[in-house]
């Protein structure tokens, strides 16, 4: 694992925990926080059409899913 993209939003504990877990493993993390900057919910839906919550995580350009899927992937 070299790089991850984490779609997140403010006050999301699972988002922050996913980011921390990835960084602790030395993974470069790009955070795409909805509502801050240029990222919108529409951008998230374009990337993950089935997304209904955050975080939505990609690792090395492969869609992983949410926080629990990330944890399962890392085990």
PDB file of N, CA and C in Angstrom:
ATOM      1  N   UNK A   1       0.846  -1.181   0.000  1.00  0.00           N
ATOM      2  CA  UNK A   1       0.000   0.000   0.000  1.00  0.00           C
ATOM      3  C   UNK A   1       0.884   1.234   0.000  1.00  0.00           C
ATOM      4  N   UNK A   2       0.657   2.082  -1.003  1.00  0.00           N
ATOM      5  CA  UNK A   2       1.453   3.289  -1.101  1.00  0.00           C
ATOM      6  C   UNK A   2       0.642   4.566  -0.925  1.00  0.00           C
ATOM      7  N   UNK A   3      -0.556   4.596  -1.532  1.00  0.00           N
ATOM      8  CA  UNK A   3      -1.355   5.810  -1.502  1.00  0.00           C
ATOM      9  C   UNK A   3      -2.824   5.463  -1.335  1.00  0.00           C
ATOM     10  N   UNK A   4      -3.527   6.302  -0.571  1.00  0.00           N
ATOM     11  CA  UNK A   4      -4.960   6.111  -0.358  1.00  0.00           C
ATOM     12  C   UNK A   4      -5.692   7.426  -0.560  1.00  0.00           C
ATOM     13  N   UNK A   5      -6.928   7.309  -1.006  1.00  0.00           N
ATOM     14  CA  UNK A   5      -7.845   8.440  -1.072  1.00  0.00           C
ATOM     15  C   UNK A   5      -8.978   8.117  -0.126  1.00  0.00           C
ATOM     16  N   UNK A   6      -9.253   9.045   0.788  1.00  0.00           N
ATOM     17  CA  UNK A   6     -10.337   8.856   1.744  1.00  0.00           C
ATOM     18  C   UNK A   6     -11.328  10.003   1.565  1.00  0.00           C
ATOM     19  N   UNK A   7     -12.526   9.663   1.115  1.00  0.00           N
ATOM     20  CA  UNK A   7     -13.614  10.628   1.039  1.00  0.00           C
ATOM     21  C   UNK A   7     -14.191  10.726   2.442  1.00  0.00           C
ATOM     22  N   UNK A   8     -14.298  11.949   2.963  1.00  0.00           N
ATOM     23  CA  UNK A   8     -14.746  12.109   4.340  1.00  0.00           C
ATOM     24  C   UNK A   8     -15.601  13.362   4.475  1.00  0.00           C
ATOM     25  N   UNK A   9     -15.996  13.633   5.708  1.00  0.00           N
ATOM     26  CA  UNK A   9     -16.698  14.873   6.020  1.00  0.00           C
ATOM     27  C   UNK A   9     -16.361  15.251   7.450  1.00  0.00           C
ATOM     28  N   UNK A  10     -16.710  16.467   7.833  1.00  0.00           N
ATOM     29  CA  UNK A  10     -16.431  16.952   9.183  1.00  0.00           C
ATOM     30  C   UNK A  10     -17.164  16.102  10.215  1.00  0.00           C
ATOM     31  N   UNK A  11     -16.539  15.956  11.372  1.00  0.00           N
ATOM     32  CA  UNK A  11     -17.132  15.246  12.512  1.00  0.00           C
ATOM     33  C   UNK A  11     -17.442  13.787  12.234  1.00  0.00           C
ATOM     34  N   UNK A  12     -16.620  13.143  11.423  1.00  0.00           N
ATOM     35  CA  UNK A  12     -16.809  11.723  11.110  1.00  0.00           C
ATOM     36  C   UNK A  12     -15.692  10.934  11.793  1.00  0.00           C
ATOM     37  N   UNK A  13     -16.034  10.250  12.874  1.00  0.00           N
ATOM     38  CA  UNK A  13     -15.034   9.506  13.632  1.00  0.00           C
ATOM     39  C   UNK A  13     -14.443   8.352  12.829  1.00  0.00           C
ATOM     40  N   UNK A  14     -15.274   7.652  12.060  1.00  0.00           N
ATOM     41  CA  UNK A  14     -14.749   6.559  11.237  1.00  0.00           C
ATOM     42  C   UNK A  14     -13.774   7.086  10.185  1.00  0.00           C
ATOM     43  N   UNK A  15     -14.058   8.279   9.655  1.00  0.00           N
ATOM     44  CA  UNK A  15     -13.151   8.891   8.669  1.00  0.00           C
ATOM     45  C   UNK A  15     -11.797   9.160   9.309  1.00  0.00           C
ATOM     46  N   UNK A  16     -11.808   9.810  10.463  1.00  0.00           N
ATOM     47  CA  UNK A  16     -10.560  10.161  11.147  1.00  0.00           C
ATOM     48  C   UNK A  16      -9.783   8.907  11.554  1.00  0.00           C
ATOM     49  N   UNK A  17     -10.486   7.886  12.009  1.00  0.00           N
ATOM     50  CA  UNK A  17      -9.822   6.651  12.406  1.00  0.00           C
ATOM     51  C   UNK A  17      -9.199   5.961  11.189  1.00  0.00           C
ATOM     52  N   UNK A  18      -9.904   5.926  10.067  1.00  0.00           N
ATOM     53  CA  UNK A  18      -9.364   5.315   8.845  1.00  0.00           C
ATOM     54  C   UNK A  18      -8.106   6.046   8.396  1.00  0.00           C
ATOM     55  N   UNK A  19      -8.146   7.372   8.439  1.00  0.00           N
ATOM     56  CA  UNK A  19      -6.981   8.169   8.047  1.00  0.00           C
ATOM     57  C   UNK A  19      -5.803   7.866   8.972  1.00  0.00           C
ATOM     58  N   UNK A  20      -6.067   7.803  10.271  1.00  0.00           N
ATOM     59  CA  UNK A  20      -5.003   7.512  11.243  1.00  0.00           C
ATOM     60  C   UNK A  20      -4.400   6.129  11.039  1.00  0.00           C
ATOM     61  N   UNK A  21      -5.247   5.134  10.789  1.00  0.00           N
ATOM     62  CA  UNK A  21      -4.767   3.764  10.570  1.00  0.00           C
ATOM     63  C   UNK A  21      -3.870   3.708   9.334  1.00  0.00           C
ATOM     64  N   UNK A  22      -4.306   4.349   8.265  1.00  0.00           N
ATOM     65  CA  UNK A  22      -3.509   4.342   7.040  1.00  0.00           C
ATOM     66  C   UNK A  22      -2.178   5.055   7.236  1.00  0.00           C
ATOM     67  N   UNK A  23      -2.205   6.218   7.863  1.00  0.00           N
ATOM     68  CA  UNK A  23      -0.960   6.964   8.089  1.00  0.00           C
ATOM     69  C   UNK A  23      -0.006   6.194   8.998  1.00  0.00           C
ATOM     70  N   UNK A  24      -0.555   5.494   9.994  1.00  0.00           N
ATOM     71  CA  UNK A  24       0.286   4.702  10.900  1.00  0.00           C
ATOM     72  C   UNK A  24       1.011   3.590  10.152  1.00  0.00           C
ATOM     73  N   UNK A  25       0.433   3.141   9.045  1.00  0.00           N
ATOM     74  CA  UNK A  25       1.061   2.108   8.211  1.00  0.00           C
ATOM     75  C   UNK A  25       1.974   2.705   7.144  1.00  0.00           C
ATOM     76  N   UNK A  26       2.162   4.023   7.192  1.00  0.00           N
ATOM     77  CA  UNK A  26       3.065   4.679   6.258  1.00  0.00           C
ATOM     78  C   UNK A  26       2.461   4.969   4.897  1.00  0.00           C
ATOM     79  N   UNK A  27       1.132   4.917   4.810  1.00  0.00           N
ATOM     80  CA  UNK A  27       0.450   5.157   3.542  1.00  0.00           C
ATOM     81  C   UNK A  27       0.231   6.659   3.373  1.00  0.00           C
ATOM     82  N   UNK A  28       0.532   7.172   2.191  1.00  0.00           N
ATOM     83  CA  UNK A  28       0.252   8.567   1.860  1.00  0.00           C
ATOM     84  C   UNK A  28      -1.253   8.691   1.663  1.00  0.00           C
ATOM     85  N   UNK A  29      -1.888   9.618   2.391  1.00  0.00           N
ATOM     86  CA  UNK A  29      -3.345   9.730   2.369  1.00  0.00           C
ATOM     87  C   UNK A  29      -3.767  11.083   1.791  1.00  0.00           C
ATOM     88  N   UNK A  30      -4.625  11.015   0.768  1.00  0.00           N
ATOM     89  CA  UNK A  30      -5.270  12.216   0.243  1.00  0.00           C
ATOM     90  C   UNK A  30      -6.679  12.229   0.802  1.00  0.00           C
ATOM     91  N   UNK A  31      -6.999  13.263   1.566  1.00  0.00           N
ATOM     92  CA  UNK A  31      -8.322  13.377   2.169  1.00  0.00           C
ATOM     93  C   UNK A  31      -9.171  14.295   1.297  1.00  0.00           C
ATOM     94  N   UNK A  32     -10.314  13.787   0.877  1.00  0.00           N
ATOM     95  CA  UNK A  32     -11.260  14.568   0.077  1.00  0.00           C
ATOM     96  C   UNK A  32     -12.481  14.833   0.956  1.00  0.00           C
ATOM     97  N   UNK A  33     -12.419  15.950   1.681  1.00  0.00           N
ATOM     98  CA  UNK A  33     -13.457  16.272   2.650  1.00  0.00           C
ATOM     99  C   UNK A  33     -14.612  16.999   1.965  1.00  0.00           C
ATOM    100  N   UNK A  34     -15.787  16.398   2.030  1.00  0.00           N
ATOM    101  CA  UNK A  34     -16.974  16.969   1.405  1.00  0.00           C
ATOM    102  C   UNK A  34     -17.353  18.280   2.087  1.00  0.00           C
ATOM    103  N   UNK A  35     -17.723  19.257   1.275  1.00  0.00           N
ATOM    104  CA  UNK A  35     -18.164  20.533   1.810  1.00  0.00           C
ATOM    105  C   UNK A  35     -17.046  21.492   2.144  1.00  0.00           C
ATOM    106  N   UNK A  36     -15.817  21.041   2.037  1.00  0.00           N
ATOM    107  CA  UNK A  36     -14.664  21.901   2.291  1.00  0.00           C
ATOM    108  C   UNK A  36     -13.811  21.910   1.042  1.00  0.00           C
ATOM    109  N   UNK A  37     -13.535  23.077   0.533  1.00  0.00           N
ATOM    110  CA  UNK A  37     -12.739  23.151  -0.680  1.00  0.00           C
ATOM    111  C   UNK A  37     -13.590  22.864  -1.896  1.00  0.00           C
ATOM    112  N   UNK A  38     -13.074  22.024  -2.773  1.00  0.00           N
ATOM    113  CA  UNK A  38     -13.748  21.801  -4.053  1.00  0.00           C
ATOM    114  C   UNK A  38     -14.535  20.502  -4.115  1.00  0.00           C
ATOM    115  N   UNK A  39     -14.479  19.666  -3.102  1.00  0.00           N
ATOM    116  CA  UNK A  39     -15.131  18.351  -3.171  1.00  0.00           C
ATOM    117  C   UNK A  39     -16.593  18.436  -2.768  1.00  0.00           C
ATOM    118  N   UNK A  40     -17.450  17.828  -3.600  1.00  0.00           N
ATOM    119  CA  UNK A  40     -18.889  17.839  -3.346  1.00  0.00           C
ATOM    120  C   UNK A  40     -19.428  16.410  -3.265  1.00  0.00           C
ATOM    121  N   UNK A  41     -20.653  16.296  -2.784  1.00  0.00           N
ATOM    122  CA  UNK A  41     -21.314  14.992  -2.736  1.00  0.00           C
ATOM    123  C   UNK A  41     -21.437  14.407  -4.144  1.00  0.00           C
ATOM    124  N   UNK A  42     -21.652  15.264  -5.133  1.00  0.00           N
ATOM    125  CA  UNK A  42     -21.748  14.814  -6.518  1.00  0.00           C
ATOM    126  C   UNK A  42     -20.429  14.199  -6.984  1.00  0.00           C
ATOM    127  N   UNK A  43     -19.297  14.791  -6.561  1.00  0.00           N
ATOM    128  CA  UNK A  43     -17.988  14.225  -6.895  1.00  0.00           C
ATOM    129  C   UNK A  43     -17.837  12.828  -6.306  1.00  0.00           C
ATOM    130  N   UNK A  44     -18.283  12.667  -5.066  1.00  0.00           N
ATOM    131  CA  UNK A  44     -18.218  11.352  -4.422  1.00  0.00           C
ATOM    132  C   UNK A  44     -19.066  10.340  -5.189  1.00  0.00           C
ATOM    133  N   UNK A  45     -20.268  10.726  -5.572  1.00  0.00           N
ATOM    134  CA  UNK A  45     -21.159   9.804  -6.287  1.00  0.00           C
ATOM    135  C   UNK A  45     -20.577   9.429  -7.651  1.00  0.00           C
ATOM    136  N   UNK A  46     -19.858  10.334  -8.283  1.00  0.00           N
ATOM    137  CA  UNK A  46     -19.186  10.003  -9.544  1.00  0.00           C
ATOM    138  C   UNK A  46     -18.109   8.938  -9.307  1.00  0.00           C
ATOM    139  N   UNK A  47     -17.393   9.060  -8.193  1.00  0.00           N
ATOM    140  CA  UNK A  47     -16.324   8.112  -7.877  1.00  0.00           C
ATOM    141  C   UNK A  47     -16.873   6.782  -7.374  1.00  0.00           C
ATOM    142  N   UNK A  48     -17.938   6.847  -6.566  1.00  0.00           N
ATOM    143  CA  UNK A  48     -18.533   5.650  -5.967  1.00  0.00           C
ATOM    144  C   UNK A  48     -20.052   5.782  -6.082  1.00  0.00           C
ATOM    145  N   UNK A  49     -20.630   5.334  -7.185  1.00  0.00           N
ATOM    146  CA  UNK A  49     -22.069   5.517  -7.403  1.00  0.00           C
ATOM    147  C   UNK A  49     -22.969   4.945  -6.309  1.00  0.00           C
ATOM    148  N   UNK A  50     -22.499   3.946  -5.587  1.00  0.00           N
ATOM    149  CA  UNK A  50     -23.322   3.329  -4.544  1.00  0.00           C
ATOM    150  C   UNK A  50     -23.098   3.940  -3.164  1.00  0.00           C
ATOM    151  N   UNK A  51     -22.260   4.962  -3.062  1.00  0.00           N
ATOM    152  CA  UNK A  51     -21.924   5.552  -1.761  1.00  0.00           C
ATOM    153  C   UNK A  51     -23.144   6.179  -1.109  1.00  0.00           C
ATOM    154  N   UNK A  52     -23.353   5.852   0.147  1.00  0.00           N
ATOM    155  CA  UNK A  52     -24.433   6.449   0.927  1.00  0.00           C
ATOM    156  C   UNK A  52     -23.911   7.023   2.239  1.00  0.00           C
ATOM    157  N   UNK A  53     -22.610   6.820   2.484  1.00  0.00           N
ATOM    158  CA  UNK A  53     -22.004   7.311   3.714  1.00  0.00           C
ATOM    159  C   UNK A  53     -20.507   7.503   3.479  1.00  0.00           C
ATOM    160  N   UNK A  54     -19.854   8.073   4.447  1.00  0.00           N
ATOM    161  CA  UNK A  54     -18.396   8.209   4.427  1.00  0.00           C
ATOM    162  C   UNK A  54     -17.859   7.525   5.668  1.00  0.00           C
ATOM    163  N   UNK A  55     -16.627   7.080   5.649  1.00  0.00           N
ATOM    164  CA  UNK A  55     -15.647   7.253   4.586  1.00  0.00           C
ATOM    165  C   UNK A  55     -15.875   6.287   3.427  1.00  0.00           C
ATOM    166  N   UNK A  56     -15.374   6.706   2.288  1.00  0.00           N
ATOM    167  CA  UNK A  56     -15.260   5.834   1.117  1.00  0.00           C
ATOM    168  C   UNK A  56     -13.772   5.849   0.783  1.00  0.00           C
ATOM    169  N   UNK A  57     -13.170   4.675   0.698  1.00  0.00           N
ATOM    170  CA  UNK A  57     -11.717   4.568   0.674  1.00  0.00           C
ATOM    171  C   UNK A  57     -11.240   3.831  -0.571  1.00  0.00           C
ATOM    172  N   UNK A  58     -10.209   4.402  -1.188  1.00  0.00           N
ATOM    173  CA  UNK A  58      -9.488   3.769  -2.292  1.00  0.00           C
ATOM    174  C   UNK A  58      -8.045   3.591  -1.830  1.00  0.00           C
ATOM    175  N   UNK A  59      -7.468   2.432  -2.096  1.00  0.00           N
ATOM    176  CA  UNK A  59      -6.063   2.186  -1.790  1.00  0.00           C
ATOM    177  C   UNK A  59      -5.378   1.753  -3.074  1.00  0.00           C
ATOM    178  N   UNK A  60      -4.335   2.476  -3.443  1.00  0.00           N
ATOM    179  CA  UNK A  60      -3.616   2.211  -4.691  1.00  0.00           C
ATOM    180  C   UNK A  60      -4.586   2.109  -5.872  1.00  0.00           C
ATOM    181  N   UNK A  61      -5.526   3.069  -5.934  1.00  0.00           N
ATOM    182  CA  UNK A  61      -6.514   3.174  -7.010  1.00  0.00           C
ATOM    183  C   UNK A  61      -7.522   2.033  -7.053  1.00  0.00           C
ATOM    184  N   UNK A  62      -7.604   1.225  -6.007  1.00  0.00           N
ATOM    185  CA  UNK A  62      -8.583   0.136  -5.924  1.00  0.00           C
ATOM    186  C   UNK A  62      -9.598   0.497  -4.842  1.00  0.00           C
ATOM    187  N   UNK A  63     -10.878   0.425  -5.197  1.00  0.00           N
ATOM    188  CA  UNK A  63     -11.931   0.745  -4.235  1.00  0.00           C
ATOM    189  C   UNK A  63     -11.984  -0.312  -3.141  1.00  0.00           C
ATOM    190  N   UNK A  64     -11.906   0.152  -1.886  1.00  0.00           N
ATOM    191  CA  UNK A  64     -11.959  -0.745  -0.728  1.00  0.00           C
ATOM    192  C   UNK A  64     -13.345  -0.730  -0.102  1.00  0.00           C
ATOM    193  N   UNK A  65     -13.929   0.445   0.039  1.00  0.00           N
ATOM    194  CA  UNK A  65     -15.230   0.586   0.687  1.00  0.00           C
ATOM    195  C   UNK A  65     -15.118   1.506   1.877  1.00  0.00           C
ATOM    196  N   UNK A  66     -15.864   1.189   2.929  1.00  0.00           N
ATOM    197  CA  UNK A  66     -15.868   2.002   4.138  1.00  0.00           C
ATOM    198  C   UNK A  66     -14.824   1.547   5.147  1.00  0.00           C
ATOM    199  N   UNK A  67     -14.950   2.076   6.362  1.00  0.00           N
ATOM    200  CA  UNK A  67     -13.972   1.795   7.411  1.00  0.00           C
ATOM    201  C   UNK A  67     -13.870   0.306   7.715  1.00  0.00           C
ATOM    202  N   UNK A  68     -14.988  -0.359   7.894  1.00  0.00           N
ATOM    203  CA  UNK A  68     -14.945  -1.789   8.243  1.00  0.00           C
ATOM    204  C   UNK A  68     -14.325  -2.627   7.116  1.00  0.00           C
ATOM    205  N   UNK A  69     -14.572  -2.252   5.891  1.00  0.00           N
ATOM    206  CA  UNK A  69     -13.934  -2.956   4.777  1.00  0.00           C
ATOM    207  C   UNK A  69     -12.436  -2.729   4.774  1.00  0.00           C
ATOM    208  N   UNK A  70     -12.021  -1.523   5.146  1.00  0.00           N
ATOM    209  CA  UNK A  70     -10.585  -1.244   5.255  1.00  0.00           C
ATOM    210  C   UNK A  70      -9.953  -2.134   6.302  1.00  0.00           C
ATOM    211  N   UNK A  71     -10.572  -2.227   7.463  1.00  0.00           N
ATOM    212  CA  UNK A  71     -10.040  -3.065   8.543  1.00  0.00           C
ATOM    213  C   UNK A  71      -9.938  -4.515   8.095  1.00  0.00           C
ATOM    214  N   UNK A  72     -10.963  -5.010   7.404  1.00  0.00           N
ATOM    215  CA  UNK A  72     -10.932  -6.387   6.890  1.00  0.00           C
ATOM    216  C   UNK A  72      -9.800  -6.572   5.888  1.00  0.00           C
ATOM    217  N   UNK A  73      -9.567  -5.565   5.051  1.00  0.00           N
ATOM    218  CA  UNK A  73      -8.502  -5.626   4.045  1.00  0.00           C
ATOM    219  C   UNK A  73      -7.126  -5.668   4.695  1.00  0.00           C
ATOM    220  N   UNK A  74      -6.965  -4.959   5.794  1.00  0.00           N
ATOM    221  CA  UNK A  74      -5.668  -4.851   6.458  1.00  0.00           C
ATOM    222  C   UNK A  74      -5.316  -6.082   7.279  1.00  0.00           C
ATOM    223  N   UNK A  75      -6.271  -6.938   7.571  1.00  0.00           N
ATOM    224  CA  UNK A  75      -5.981  -8.107   8.407  1.00  0.00           C
ATOM    225  C   UNK A  75      -5.361  -9.221   7.618  1.00  0.00           C
TER     226      UNK A  75
END
